[in-house]
Amino acid sequence: MGFIRYIKEEMQIIKERDPAIKTPLEVFLYPSFKAIIRYRIAHKLYLKKHYFLARWYSQRTARKTGIEIHPGATIGKGLFIDHGIGVIIGETTIIGDNVTLYQGVTLGGTGKESGKRHPTIGNNVMVSAGAKILGSFTVGENSKIGAGSVVLSEVPPNSTVVGVPGRVVKRDNIKIPREDMDHIHLPDPVFNDISKLQADNVKLMEELKKISKKLKQLEKQVSK
């Protein structure tokens, strides 16, 4: 009965967050569905210290789905991995409830840490395609990580992060990510900085023209 309820919950999660789904049976075709169910089994083996069996099972899952979840990771309910190819979740990663990951996401370590080496992802976080979150720190609940971002430090709750390295460009998100799945129209601090530099350059050129004009007028007066 528990398994049937779990299947129904997964169907609801995918239907809620992926507009491409048309029929409930499609859930069985989703790589993320297979990967998460297999992770739950591998995680139980890991907790019972059957480390080899847990890793063997998880590696088989990675080959079949393109999603690599270490059996030691701790994952809450409602995780949705859209598409999923190239997703990597490290051993000491902790993921809260109702988190959404897109393809190519890495929740990894820096290679310089021991013990807790991977990130902690709060509830309702959305991590967009190709983003990398590396290190043992927390991404606060209700946050959005923009596509292709590389996050290397703590993210406060209700924040939007973009860039390489990732920077907080917006705080106090009005909607939690799973209510607003837009991960394209995010602030672009690099574009904003370039636009400001261009505007400042135009003002500077105008000032230089004014100074040049005044100098020419002075030269004429002196020559007389």
N, C-alpha and C. Protein backbone atom coordinates (compact mmCIF):
# COMPACT_ATOMS: atom_id res chain seq x y z
N MET A 1 0.83 -1.22 0.00
CA MET A 1 0.00 0.00 0.00
C MET A 1 0.87 1.26 0.00
N GLY A 2 1.99 1.21 0.76
CA GLY A 2 2.90 2.33 0.80
C GLY A 2 3.49 2.62 -0.57
N PHE A 3 3.82 1.58 -1.32
CA PHE A 3 4.41 1.76 -2.64
C PHE A 3 3.42 2.41 -3.60
N ILE A 4 2.16 1.96 -3.53
CA ILE A 4 1.12 2.54 -4.40
C ILE A 4 0.94 4.02 -4.09
N ARG A 5 0.92 4.34 -2.80
CA ARG A 5 0.78 5.74 -2.42
C ARG A 5 1.97 6.56 -2.92
N TYR A 6 3.17 5.97 -2.84
CA TYR A 6 4.37 6.65 -3.31
C TYR A 6 4.29 6.90 -4.81
N ILE A 7 3.82 5.91 -5.58
CA ILE A 7 3.66 6.06 -7.03
C ILE A 7 2.71 7.22 -7.33
N LYS A 8 1.59 7.27 -6.60
CA LYS A 8 0.61 8.34 -6.82
C LYS A 8 1.21 9.71 -6.51
N GLU A 9 2.02 9.77 -5.45
CA GLU A 9 2.66 11.04 -5.10
C GLU A 9 3.62 11.49 -6.19
N GLU A 10 4.40 10.52 -6.73
CA GLU A 10 5.35 10.86 -7.80
C GLU A 10 4.61 11.33 -9.05
N MET A 11 3.49 10.69 -9.36
CA MET A 11 2.67 11.11 -10.50
C MET A 11 2.22 12.56 -10.33
N GLN A 12 1.79 12.89 -9.13
CA GLN A 12 1.31 14.23 -8.86
C GLN A 12 2.43 15.25 -8.97
N ILE A 13 3.63 14.88 -8.48
CA ILE A 13 4.78 15.77 -8.54
C ILE A 13 5.14 16.10 -9.99
N ILE A 14 5.22 15.05 -10.82
CA ILE A 14 5.61 15.25 -12.22
C ILE A 14 4.53 16.04 -12.96
N LYS A 15 3.28 15.72 -12.70
CA LYS A 15 2.19 16.44 -13.36
C LYS A 15 2.20 17.92 -12.98
N GLU A 16 2.53 18.20 -11.73
CA GLU A 16 2.54 19.57 -11.23
C GLU A 16 3.67 20.39 -11.83
N ARG A 17 4.83 19.76 -12.07
CA ARG A 17 6.02 20.52 -12.46
C ARG A 17 6.45 20.33 -13.91
N ASP A 18 5.81 19.42 -14.64
CA ASP A 18 6.18 19.23 -16.04
C ASP A 18 4.94 19.30 -16.91
N PRO A 19 4.77 20.40 -17.66
CA PRO A 19 3.58 20.55 -18.51
C PRO A 19 3.54 19.56 -19.67
N ALA A 20 4.66 18.85 -19.92
CA ALA A 20 4.70 17.92 -21.06
C ALA A 20 3.93 16.63 -20.79
N ILE A 21 3.67 16.33 -19.52
CA ILE A 21 3.00 15.07 -19.22
C ILE A 21 1.51 15.18 -19.57
N LYS A 22 1.01 14.16 -20.27
CA LYS A 22 -0.39 14.16 -20.71
C LYS A 22 -1.20 13.05 -20.03
N THR A 23 -0.56 11.94 -19.70
CA THR A 23 -1.27 10.82 -19.08
C THR A 23 -0.50 10.33 -17.87
N PRO A 24 -1.18 9.84 -16.83
CA PRO A 24 -0.50 9.36 -15.62
C PRO A 24 0.53 8.26 -15.88
N LEU A 25 0.27 7.41 -16.87
CA LEU A 25 1.19 6.30 -17.14
C LEU A 25 2.55 6.76 -17.63
N GLU A 26 2.62 7.98 -18.15
CA GLU A 26 3.90 8.50 -18.64
C GLU A 26 4.94 8.59 -17.54
N VAL A 27 4.49 8.66 -16.29
CA VAL A 27 5.43 8.77 -15.18
C VAL A 27 6.41 7.61 -15.18
N PHE A 28 5.97 6.44 -15.64
CA PHE A 28 6.84 5.26 -15.63
C PHE A 28 7.94 5.36 -16.68
N LEU A 29 7.84 6.31 -17.60
CA LEU A 29 8.85 6.50 -18.64
C LEU A 29 9.92 7.51 -18.22
N TYR A 30 9.69 8.22 -17.13
CA TYR A 30 10.61 9.26 -16.71
C TYR A 30 11.85 8.67 -16.05
N PRO A 31 13.06 9.01 -16.54
CA PRO A 31 14.28 8.53 -15.90
C PRO A 31 14.35 8.91 -14.42
N SER A 32 13.86 10.12 -14.09
CA SER A 32 13.93 10.56 -12.70
C SER A 32 13.09 9.67 -11.79
N PHE A 33 11.96 9.20 -12.29
CA PHE A 33 11.09 8.32 -11.51
C PHE A 33 11.84 7.03 -11.16
N LYS A 34 12.48 6.45 -12.18
CA LYS A 34 13.24 5.22 -11.96
C LYS A 34 14.43 5.47 -11.03
N ALA A 35 15.13 6.59 -11.26
CA ALA A 35 16.32 6.88 -10.47
C ALA A 35 16.00 7.09 -9.00
N ILE A 36 14.89 7.77 -8.72
CA ILE A 36 14.57 8.07 -7.32
C ILE A 36 14.10 6.82 -6.60
N ILE A 37 13.29 5.99 -7.26
CA ILE A 37 12.85 4.75 -6.63
C ILE A 37 14.05 3.85 -6.34
N ARG A 38 14.96 3.74 -7.30
CA ARG A 38 16.14 2.91 -7.12
C ARG A 38 17.06 3.49 -6.05
N TYR A 39 17.13 4.83 -5.98
CA TYR A 39 17.91 5.47 -4.92
C TYR A 39 17.37 5.06 -3.55
N ARG A 40 16.04 5.05 -3.40
CA ARG A 40 15.45 4.71 -2.09
C ARG A 40 15.89 3.30 -1.67
N ILE A 41 15.94 2.39 -2.62
CA ILE A 41 16.37 1.02 -2.31
C ILE A 41 17.86 1.01 -1.95
N ALA A 42 18.67 1.68 -2.78
CA ALA A 42 20.12 1.72 -2.53
C ALA A 42 20.43 2.41 -1.19
N HIS A 43 19.66 3.43 -0.85
CA HIS A 43 19.88 4.16 0.40
C HIS A 43 19.63 3.26 1.61
N LYS A 44 18.59 2.43 1.52
CA LYS A 44 18.32 1.48 2.61
C LYS A 44 19.47 0.50 2.77
N LEU A 45 20.01 0.02 1.66
CA LEU A 45 21.16 -0.87 1.72
C LEU A 45 22.36 -0.15 2.34
N TYR A 46 22.55 1.10 1.99
CA TYR A 46 23.66 1.90 2.51
C TYR A 46 23.53 2.07 4.03
N LEU A 47 22.33 2.37 4.48
CA LEU A 47 22.11 2.57 5.92
C LEU A 47 22.35 1.28 6.72
N LYS A 48 22.14 0.14 6.06
CA LYS A 48 22.40 -1.16 6.71
C LYS A 48 23.86 -1.59 6.53
N LYS A 49 24.69 -0.65 5.97
CA LYS A 49 26.12 -0.86 5.79
C LYS A 49 26.45 -1.92 4.75
N HIS A 50 25.51 -2.16 3.84
CA HIS A 50 25.79 -3.01 2.69
C HIS A 50 26.34 -2.11 1.57
N TYR A 51 27.52 -1.56 1.81
CA TYR A 51 28.04 -0.49 0.96
C TYR A 51 28.28 -0.95 -0.48
N PHE A 52 28.86 -2.13 -0.65
CA PHE A 52 29.13 -2.59 -2.01
C PHE A 52 27.84 -2.78 -2.79
N LEU A 53 26.85 -3.44 -2.18
CA LEU A 53 25.58 -3.67 -2.87
C LEU A 53 24.88 -2.34 -3.20
N ALA A 54 24.96 -1.41 -2.25
CA ALA A 54 24.33 -0.10 -2.47
C ALA A 54 24.97 0.61 -3.65
N ARG A 55 26.31 0.61 -3.71
CA ARG A 55 27.00 1.27 -4.80
C ARG A 55 26.79 0.55 -6.13
N TRP A 56 26.78 -0.77 -6.08
CA TRP A 56 26.55 -1.56 -7.30
C TRP A 56 25.19 -1.24 -7.90
N TYR A 57 24.18 -1.18 -7.02
CA TYR A 57 22.81 -0.91 -7.48
C TYR A 57 22.70 0.53 -8.00
N SER A 58 23.32 1.47 -7.31
CA SER A 58 23.24 2.87 -7.74
C SER A 58 23.98 3.09 -9.05
N GLN A 59 25.10 2.38 -9.26
CA GLN A 59 25.84 2.53 -10.50
C GLN A 59 25.07 1.93 -11.69
N ARG A 60 24.38 0.85 -11.45
CA ARG A 60 23.51 0.29 -12.50
C ARG A 60 22.43 1.30 -12.87
N THR A 61 21.89 1.95 -11.86
CA THR A 61 20.86 2.97 -12.11
C THR A 61 21.43 4.13 -12.92
N ALA A 62 22.65 4.54 -12.59
CA ALA A 62 23.28 5.64 -13.32
C ALA A 62 23.46 5.30 -14.79
N ARG A 63 23.85 4.05 -15.07
CA ARG A 63 24.04 3.64 -16.46
C ARG A 63 22.71 3.60 -17.23
N LYS A 64 21.64 3.24 -16.52
CA LYS A 64 20.33 3.12 -17.17
C LYS A 64 19.63 4.47 -17.36
N THR A 65 19.86 5.39 -16.43
CA THR A 65 19.09 6.64 -16.43
C THR A 65 19.92 7.89 -16.74
N GLY A 66 21.24 7.82 -16.60
CA GLY A 66 22.06 9.01 -16.76
C GLY A 66 22.04 9.90 -15.54
N ILE A 67 21.43 9.42 -14.45
CA ILE A 67 21.34 10.18 -13.20
C ILE A 67 22.13 9.43 -12.13
N GLU A 68 23.14 10.08 -11.57
CA GLU A 68 23.99 9.42 -10.58
C GLU A 68 23.72 9.98 -9.19
N ILE A 69 23.08 9.18 -8.37
CA ILE A 69 22.78 9.58 -6.99
C ILE A 69 23.53 8.63 -6.06
N HIS A 70 24.45 9.16 -5.29
CA HIS A 70 25.17 8.31 -4.34
C HIS A 70 24.18 7.79 -3.29
N PRO A 71 24.26 6.51 -2.96
CA PRO A 71 23.29 5.95 -1.99
C PRO A 71 23.39 6.56 -0.59
N GLY A 72 24.50 7.23 -0.32
CA GLY A 72 24.63 7.87 0.99
C GLY A 72 23.93 9.20 1.11
N ALA A 73 23.52 9.78 0.00
CA ALA A 73 22.84 11.08 0.03
C ALA A 73 21.52 10.97 0.79
N THR A 74 21.12 12.08 1.40
CA THR A 74 19.85 12.13 2.14
C THR A 74 18.87 13.00 1.37
N ILE A 75 17.77 12.42 0.92
CA ILE A 75 16.83 13.13 0.05
C ILE A 75 15.43 13.09 0.65
N GLY A 76 14.81 14.26 0.76
CA GLY A 76 13.46 14.36 1.30
C GLY A 76 12.42 13.95 0.27
N LYS A 77 11.18 14.23 0.57
CA LYS A 77 10.09 13.86 -0.33
C LYS A 77 9.91 14.90 -1.43
N GLY A 78 9.32 14.46 -2.52
CA GLY A 78 8.94 15.39 -3.58
C GLY A 78 10.07 15.86 -4.47
N LEU A 79 11.21 15.14 -4.51
CA LEU A 79 12.27 15.52 -5.45
C LEU A 79 11.82 15.23 -6.88
N PHE A 80 12.02 16.23 -7.77
CA PHE A 80 11.71 16.04 -9.18
C PHE A 80 12.94 16.41 -9.99
N ILE A 81 13.41 15.48 -10.82
CA ILE A 81 14.55 15.72 -11.70
C ILE A 81 14.02 15.74 -13.13
N ASP A 82 13.97 16.92 -13.73
CA ASP A 82 13.41 17.05 -15.08
C ASP A 82 14.47 16.68 -16.11
N HIS A 83 14.12 15.80 -17.05
CA HIS A 83 15.05 15.24 -18.03
C HIS A 83 16.10 14.40 -17.31
N GLY A 84 17.07 15.03 -16.66
CA GLY A 84 17.90 14.30 -15.72
C GLY A 84 19.27 13.89 -16.20
N ILE A 85 19.51 13.81 -17.50
CA ILE A 85 20.82 13.35 -17.98
C ILE A 85 21.93 14.24 -17.40
N GLY A 86 22.94 13.59 -16.83
CA GLY A 86 24.09 14.33 -16.31
C GLY A 86 23.95 14.84 -14.90
N VAL A 87 22.84 14.53 -14.22
CA VAL A 87 22.68 14.95 -12.83
C VAL A 87 23.56 14.10 -11.93
N ILE A 88 24.30 14.75 -11.03
CA ILE A 88 25.17 14.06 -10.08
C ILE A 88 24.88 14.58 -8.68
N ILE A 89 24.62 13.67 -7.75
CA ILE A 89 24.33 14.03 -6.37
C ILE A 89 25.32 13.27 -5.48
N GLY A 90 26.17 14.00 -4.77
CA GLY A 90 27.24 13.40 -3.99
C GLY A 90 26.80 12.75 -2.69
N GLU A 91 27.72 12.01 -2.10
CA GLU A 91 27.43 11.16 -0.94
C GLU A 91 26.86 11.90 0.26
N THR A 92 27.41 13.05 0.61
CA THR A 92 26.96 13.74 1.83
C THR A 92 25.98 14.86 1.54
N THR A 93 25.43 14.87 0.33
CA THR A 93 24.40 15.84 -0.02
C THR A 93 23.14 15.61 0.82
N ILE A 94 22.54 16.70 1.24
CA ILE A 94 21.24 16.64 1.93
C ILE A 94 20.27 17.49 1.11
N ILE A 95 19.17 16.89 0.70
CA ILE A 95 18.16 17.59 -0.09
C ILE A 95 16.84 17.60 0.68
N GLY A 96 16.25 18.78 0.82
CA GLY A 96 14.99 18.91 1.54
C GLY A 96 13.80 18.44 0.71
N ASP A 97 12.63 18.92 1.05
CA ASP A 97 11.40 18.51 0.38
C ASP A 97 11.10 19.40 -0.83
N ASN A 98 10.45 18.77 -1.83
CA ASN A 98 9.92 19.49 -2.99
C ASN A 98 10.99 20.29 -3.75
N VAL A 99 12.14 19.67 -3.91
CA VAL A 99 13.25 20.28 -4.66
C VAL A 99 13.14 19.86 -6.13
N THR A 100 13.51 20.77 -7.05
CA THR A 100 13.50 20.49 -8.48
C THR A 100 14.91 20.68 -9.04
N LEU A 101 15.40 19.66 -9.74
CA LEU A 101 16.70 19.73 -10.41
C LEU A 101 16.49 19.52 -11.91
N TYR A 102 17.20 20.28 -12.72
CA TYR A 102 17.16 20.09 -14.17
C TYR A 102 18.41 19.35 -14.64
N GLN A 103 18.47 19.05 -15.94
CA GLN A 103 19.55 18.24 -16.46
C GLN A 103 20.91 18.92 -16.27
N GLY A 104 21.93 18.09 -16.08
CA GLY A 104 23.28 18.59 -15.98
C GLY A 104 23.65 19.22 -14.65
N VAL A 105 22.80 19.11 -13.65
CA VAL A 105 23.07 19.69 -12.34
C VAL A 105 24.06 18.82 -11.56
N THR A 106 25.01 19.45 -10.90
CA THR A 106 25.95 18.74 -10.03
C THR A 106 25.84 19.29 -8.62
N LEU A 107 25.58 18.41 -7.68
CA LEU A 107 25.65 18.74 -6.25
C LEU A 107 26.88 18.01 -5.73
N GLY A 108 28.03 18.68 -5.79
CA GLY A 108 29.29 17.99 -5.56
C GLY A 108 30.16 18.65 -4.52
N GLY A 109 31.38 18.12 -4.40
CA GLY A 109 32.37 18.65 -3.48
C GLY A 109 33.45 19.40 -4.23
N THR A 110 34.36 20.01 -3.48
CA THR A 110 35.46 20.76 -4.08
C THR A 110 36.72 19.93 -4.17
N GLY A 111 36.72 18.76 -3.53
CA GLY A 111 37.91 17.93 -3.51
C GLY A 111 38.87 18.29 -2.39
N LYS A 112 38.53 19.31 -1.61
CA LYS A 112 39.42 19.78 -0.54
C LYS A 112 38.84 19.53 0.86
N GLU A 113 37.68 18.91 0.92
CA GLU A 113 37.01 18.75 2.20
C GLU A 113 36.93 17.28 2.58
N SER A 114 36.71 17.04 3.86
CA SER A 114 36.45 15.68 4.35
C SER A 114 35.20 15.74 5.20
N GLY A 115 34.63 14.56 5.49
CA GLY A 115 33.39 14.56 6.26
C GLY A 115 32.24 15.04 5.40
N LYS A 116 31.54 16.07 5.85
CA LYS A 116 30.44 16.66 5.07
C LYS A 116 31.05 17.47 3.93
N ARG A 117 30.99 16.93 2.73
CA ARG A 117 31.70 17.51 1.59
C ARG A 117 30.77 18.16 0.57
N HIS A 118 29.49 17.86 0.66
CA HIS A 118 28.55 18.26 -0.39
C HIS A 118 27.49 19.21 0.17
N PRO A 119 26.76 19.89 -0.70
CA PRO A 119 25.82 20.91 -0.23
C PRO A 119 24.56 20.37 0.44
N THR A 120 23.94 21.26 1.20
CA THR A 120 22.63 21.02 1.77
C THR A 120 21.64 21.92 1.04
N ILE A 121 20.62 21.33 0.44
CA ILE A 121 19.65 22.06 -0.36
C ILE A 121 18.33 22.15 0.42
N GLY A 122 17.89 23.36 0.69
CA GLY A 122 16.68 23.55 1.47
C GLY A 122 15.41 23.19 0.73
N ASN A 123 14.29 23.24 1.43
CA ASN A 123 13.00 22.92 0.84
C ASN A 123 12.65 23.89 -0.29
N ASN A 124 11.98 23.36 -1.31
CA ASN A 124 11.41 24.16 -2.41
C ASN A 124 12.45 24.88 -3.27
N VAL A 125 13.66 24.39 -3.28
CA VAL A 125 14.71 25.01 -4.11
C VAL A 125 14.61 24.49 -5.54
N MET A 126 14.90 25.35 -6.51
CA MET A 126 14.98 24.95 -7.92
C MET A 126 16.38 25.23 -8.43
N VAL A 127 17.01 24.19 -9.01
CA VAL A 127 18.36 24.33 -9.56
C VAL A 127 18.26 24.10 -11.07
N SER A 128 18.55 25.13 -11.84
CA SER A 128 18.33 25.10 -13.29
C SER A 128 19.42 24.33 -14.03
N ALA A 129 19.19 24.12 -15.32
CA ALA A 129 20.03 23.26 -16.15
C ALA A 129 21.50 23.67 -16.10
N GLY A 130 22.36 22.67 -15.90
CA GLY A 130 23.79 22.89 -15.96
C GLY A 130 24.42 23.57 -14.76
N ALA A 131 23.65 23.89 -13.75
CA ALA A 131 24.20 24.57 -12.57
C ALA A 131 25.04 23.62 -11.74
N LYS A 132 26.09 24.15 -11.11
CA LYS A 132 26.96 23.37 -10.25
C LYS A 132 26.98 24.01 -8.86
N ILE A 133 26.69 23.21 -7.85
CA ILE A 133 26.75 23.67 -6.47
C ILE A 133 27.81 22.81 -5.79
N LEU A 134 28.93 23.44 -5.43
CA LEU A 134 30.10 22.68 -5.01
C LEU A 134 30.57 23.11 -3.62
N GLY A 135 30.55 22.18 -2.68
CA GLY A 135 31.04 22.46 -1.35
C GLY A 135 30.01 22.19 -0.27
N SER A 136 30.49 22.24 0.96
CA SER A 136 29.63 21.94 2.11
C SER A 136 29.05 23.22 2.69
N PHE A 137 27.97 23.68 2.13
CA PHE A 137 27.25 24.86 2.60
C PHE A 137 25.78 24.68 2.27
N THR A 138 24.96 25.62 2.69
CA THR A 138 23.51 25.49 2.54
C THR A 138 22.97 26.45 1.49
N VAL A 139 22.10 25.93 0.65
CA VAL A 139 21.29 26.77 -0.24
C VAL A 139 19.93 26.90 0.44
N GLY A 140 19.60 28.10 0.87
CA GLY A 140 18.40 28.32 1.67
C GLY A 140 17.12 27.99 0.94
N GLU A 141 16.10 27.69 1.69
CA GLU A 141 14.80 27.29 1.14
C GLU A 141 14.22 28.36 0.23
N ASN A 142 13.41 27.89 -0.73
CA ASN A 142 12.68 28.76 -1.68
C ASN A 142 13.61 29.54 -2.61
N SER A 143 14.83 29.07 -2.80
CA SER A 143 15.78 29.78 -3.67
C SER A 143 15.79 29.20 -5.08
N LYS A 144 16.26 30.03 -6.03
CA LYS A 144 16.43 29.63 -7.42
C LYS A 144 17.90 29.77 -7.80
N ILE A 145 18.43 28.75 -8.46
CA ILE A 145 19.79 28.82 -9.00
C ILE A 145 19.67 28.85 -10.52
N GLY A 146 20.19 29.90 -11.15
CA GLY A 146 20.06 30.08 -12.58
C GLY A 146 20.86 29.08 -13.39
N ALA A 147 20.47 28.88 -14.64
CA ALA A 147 21.13 27.93 -15.54
C ALA A 147 22.61 28.26 -15.70
N GLY A 148 23.45 27.21 -15.60
CA GLY A 148 24.87 27.38 -15.81
C GLY A 148 25.63 28.04 -14.68
N SER A 149 24.97 28.37 -13.59
CA SER A 149 25.65 29.03 -12.47
C SER A 149 26.58 28.06 -11.75
N VAL A 150 27.63 28.62 -11.16
CA VAL A 150 28.54 27.83 -10.33
C VAL A 150 28.52 28.43 -8.93
N VAL A 151 27.87 27.74 -8.01
CA VAL A 151 27.66 28.27 -6.66
C VAL A 151 28.70 27.68 -5.73
N LEU A 152 29.45 28.54 -5.05
CA LEU A 152 30.57 28.10 -4.22
C LEU A 152 30.45 28.55 -2.77
N SER A 153 29.36 29.23 -2.43
CA SER A 153 29.21 29.71 -1.06
C SER A 153 27.73 29.77 -0.68
N GLU A 154 27.49 30.00 0.60
CA GLU A 154 26.16 30.00 1.19
C GLU A 154 25.17 30.87 0.42
N VAL A 155 23.93 30.38 0.31
CA VAL A 155 22.86 31.13 -0.34
C VAL A 155 21.75 31.35 0.68
N PRO A 156 21.39 32.60 0.98
CA PRO A 156 20.32 32.86 1.94
C PRO A 156 18.97 32.34 1.43
N PRO A 157 18.03 32.08 2.31
CA PRO A 157 16.69 31.66 1.87
C PRO A 157 16.05 32.71 0.96
N ASN A 158 15.14 32.25 0.09
CA ASN A 158 14.34 33.14 -0.77
C ASN A 158 15.19 33.99 -1.72
N SER A 159 16.30 33.41 -2.20
CA SER A 159 17.22 34.16 -3.06
C SER A 159 17.24 33.61 -4.48
N THR A 160 17.66 34.47 -5.41
CA THR A 160 17.93 34.05 -6.79
C THR A 160 19.41 34.25 -7.05
N VAL A 161 20.08 33.20 -7.56
CA VAL A 161 21.52 33.24 -7.80
C VAL A 161 21.79 32.98 -9.27
N VAL A 162 22.67 33.78 -9.88
CA VAL A 162 23.10 33.54 -11.26
C VAL A 162 24.58 33.84 -11.37
N GLY A 163 25.21 33.32 -12.43
CA GLY A 163 26.58 33.70 -12.75
C GLY A 163 27.63 32.70 -12.36
N VAL A 164 28.87 33.01 -12.79
CA VAL A 164 30.05 32.21 -12.49
C VAL A 164 31.14 33.14 -11.97
N PRO A 165 31.49 33.12 -10.70
CA PRO A 165 30.80 32.34 -9.66
C PRO A 165 29.42 32.92 -9.36
N GLY A 166 28.57 32.12 -8.76
CA GLY A 166 27.20 32.54 -8.50
C GLY A 166 27.12 33.72 -7.54
N ARG A 167 26.25 34.66 -7.88
CA ARG A 167 26.01 35.81 -7.02
C ARG A 167 24.51 35.95 -6.75
N VAL A 168 24.17 36.37 -5.55
CA VAL A 168 22.77 36.62 -5.23
C VAL A 168 22.35 37.91 -5.92
N VAL A 169 21.37 37.81 -6.82
CA VAL A 169 20.93 38.98 -7.58
C VAL A 169 19.52 39.41 -7.19
N LYS A 170 18.88 38.60 -6.36
CA LYS A 170 17.53 38.95 -5.93
C LYS A 170 17.26 38.25 -4.60
N ARG A 171 16.59 38.95 -3.70
CA ARG A 171 16.22 38.36 -2.42
C ARG A 171 14.72 38.49 -2.20
N ASP A 172 14.24 37.73 -1.25
CA ASP A 172 12.82 37.75 -0.90
C ASP A 172 11.94 37.43 -2.10
N ASN A 173 12.20 36.26 -2.73
CA ASN A 173 11.34 35.79 -3.81
C ASN A 173 9.89 35.74 -3.35
N ILE A 174 9.00 36.30 -4.16
CA ILE A 174 7.59 36.35 -3.78
C ILE A 174 6.96 34.97 -3.84
N LYS A 175 7.27 34.22 -4.92
CA LYS A 175 6.70 32.88 -5.09
C LYS A 175 7.77 31.83 -4.85
N ILE A 176 7.39 30.71 -4.26
CA ILE A 176 8.34 29.61 -4.14
C ILE A 176 8.53 29.01 -5.53
N PRO A 177 9.73 28.48 -5.83
CA PRO A 177 10.02 28.02 -7.19
C PRO A 177 9.03 27.02 -7.78
N ARG A 178 8.50 26.10 -6.99
CA ARG A 178 7.61 25.12 -7.60
C ARG A 178 6.25 25.73 -7.97
N GLU A 179 5.99 26.95 -7.53
CA GLU A 179 4.80 27.67 -7.98
C GLU A 179 5.12 28.55 -9.19
N ASP A 180 6.40 28.84 -9.38
CA ASP A 180 6.85 29.65 -10.50
C ASP A 180 8.10 28.99 -11.07
N MET A 181 7.91 28.12 -12.08
CA MET A 181 8.99 27.30 -12.60
C MET A 181 9.83 28.02 -13.67
N ASP A 182 9.64 29.33 -13.80
CA ASP A 182 10.41 30.09 -14.78
C ASP A 182 11.87 30.16 -14.33
N HIS A 183 12.76 29.54 -15.09
CA HIS A 183 14.18 29.63 -14.75
C HIS A 183 14.97 30.26 -15.89
N ILE A 184 14.28 31.02 -16.72
CA ILE A 184 14.91 31.72 -17.84
C ILE A 184 14.98 33.23 -17.58
N HIS A 185 13.87 33.81 -17.19
CA HIS A 185 13.80 35.27 -17.03
C HIS A 185 14.28 35.66 -15.63
N LEU A 186 15.58 35.54 -15.43
CA LEU A 186 16.20 35.88 -14.16
C LEU A 186 17.07 37.13 -14.35
N PRO A 187 17.32 37.87 -13.29
CA PRO A 187 18.20 39.05 -13.42
C PRO A 187 19.57 38.65 -13.96
N ASP A 188 20.17 39.54 -14.74
CA ASP A 188 21.48 39.29 -15.33
C ASP A 188 22.44 40.38 -14.89
N PRO A 189 23.20 40.17 -13.81
CA PRO A 189 24.07 41.22 -13.27
C PRO A 189 25.19 41.61 -14.23
N VAL A 190 25.70 40.67 -15.02
CA VAL A 190 26.76 40.98 -15.98
C VAL A 190 26.25 41.95 -17.04
N PHE A 191 25.05 41.65 -17.59
CA PHE A 191 24.45 42.55 -18.58
C PHE A 191 24.19 43.92 -17.96
N ASN A 192 23.70 43.94 -16.73
CA ASN A 192 23.43 45.21 -16.05
C ASN A 192 24.71 46.02 -15.87
N ASP A 193 25.80 45.34 -15.48
CA ASP A 193 27.09 46.03 -15.29
C ASP A 193 27.60 46.59 -16.61
N ILE A 194 27.49 45.79 -17.69
CA ILE A 194 27.94 46.25 -19.00
C ILE A 194 27.11 47.44 -19.48
N SER A 195 25.79 47.37 -19.26
CA SER A 195 24.91 48.48 -19.65
C SER A 195 25.29 49.75 -18.92
N LYS A 196 25.61 49.62 -17.61
CA LYS A 196 26.00 50.79 -16.82
C LYS A 196 27.33 51.36 -17.34
N LEU A 197 28.27 50.48 -17.66
CA LEU A 197 29.55 50.94 -18.19
C LEU A 197 29.36 51.66 -19.53
N GLN A 198 28.47 51.14 -20.38
CA GLN A 198 28.20 51.78 -21.66
C GLN A 198 27.59 53.16 -21.46
N ALA A 199 26.65 53.25 -20.51
CA ALA A 199 26.02 54.55 -20.23
C ALA A 199 27.04 55.54 -19.68
N ASP A 200 27.90 55.06 -18.78
CA ASP A 200 28.94 55.94 -18.22
C ASP A 200 29.92 56.38 -19.31
N ASN A 201 30.21 55.47 -20.24
CA ASN A 201 31.13 55.81 -21.33
C ASN A 201 30.54 56.88 -22.25
N VAL A 202 29.23 56.79 -22.52
CA VAL A 202 28.56 57.80 -23.35
C VAL A 202 28.64 59.17 -22.67
N LYS A 203 28.38 59.20 -21.35
CA LYS A 203 28.45 60.47 -20.61
C LYS A 203 29.87 61.04 -20.64
N LEU A 204 30.86 60.15 -20.48
CA LEU A 204 32.25 60.59 -20.50
C LEU A 204 32.64 61.18 -21.85
N MET A 205 32.20 60.53 -22.93
CA MET A 205 32.50 61.02 -24.27
C MET A 205 31.85 62.38 -24.51
N GLU A 206 30.65 62.55 -24.00
CA GLU A 206 29.97 63.84 -24.14
C GLU A 206 30.71 64.95 -23.40
N GLU A 207 31.21 64.61 -22.20
CA GLU A 207 31.97 65.60 -21.43
C GLU A 207 33.28 65.95 -22.14
N LEU A 208 33.93 64.92 -22.71
CA LEU A 208 35.19 65.17 -23.42
C LEU A 208 34.96 66.05 -24.64
N LYS A 209 33.84 65.85 -25.34
CA LYS A 209 33.51 66.70 -26.50
C LYS A 209 33.32 68.15 -26.06
N LYS A 210 32.63 68.33 -24.91
CA LYS A 210 32.40 69.69 -24.41
C LYS A 210 33.74 70.36 -24.06
N ILE A 211 34.62 69.59 -23.39
CA ILE A 211 35.93 70.15 -23.01
C ILE A 211 36.75 70.47 -24.25
N SER A 212 36.71 69.56 -25.24
CA SER A 212 37.45 69.79 -26.49
C SER A 212 36.95 71.05 -27.20
N LYS A 213 35.65 71.24 -27.19
CA LYS A 213 35.05 72.43 -27.85
C LYS A 213 35.50 73.71 -27.16
N LYS A 214 35.52 73.67 -25.79
CA LYS A 214 35.94 74.84 -25.04
C LYS A 214 37.41 75.16 -25.29
N LEU A 215 38.24 74.11 -25.38
CA LEU A 215 39.67 74.31 -25.64
C LEU A 215 39.90 74.95 -27.00
N LYS A 216 39.14 74.53 -27.99
CA LYS A 216 39.27 75.10 -29.34
C LYS A 216 38.86 76.57 -29.34
N GLN A 217 37.81 76.88 -28.56
CA GLN A 217 37.38 78.28 -28.47
C GLN A 217 38.45 79.13 -27.81
N LEU A 218 39.11 78.58 -26.77
CA LEU A 218 40.17 79.30 -26.08
C LEU A 218 41.36 79.51 -27.00
N GLU A 219 41.68 78.47 -27.81
CA GLU A 219 42.79 78.58 -28.74
C GLU A 219 42.55 79.69 -29.76
N LYS A 220 41.31 79.79 -30.23
CA LYS A 220 40.96 80.84 -31.19
C LYS A 220 41.14 82.23 -30.56
N GLN A 221 40.66 82.34 -29.30
CA GLN A 221 40.76 83.64 -28.60
C GLN A 221 42.23 84.02 -28.39
N VAL A 222 43.07 83.05 -28.03
CA VAL A 222 44.49 83.32 -27.78
C VAL A 222 45.18 83.69 -29.09
N SER A 223 44.84 83.03 -30.17
CA SER A 223 45.48 83.28 -31.48
C SER A 223 45.16 84.68 -32.01
N LYS A 224 44.04 85.23 -31.59
CA LYS A 224 43.67 86.59 -32.01
C LYS A 224 44.54 87.61 -31.29
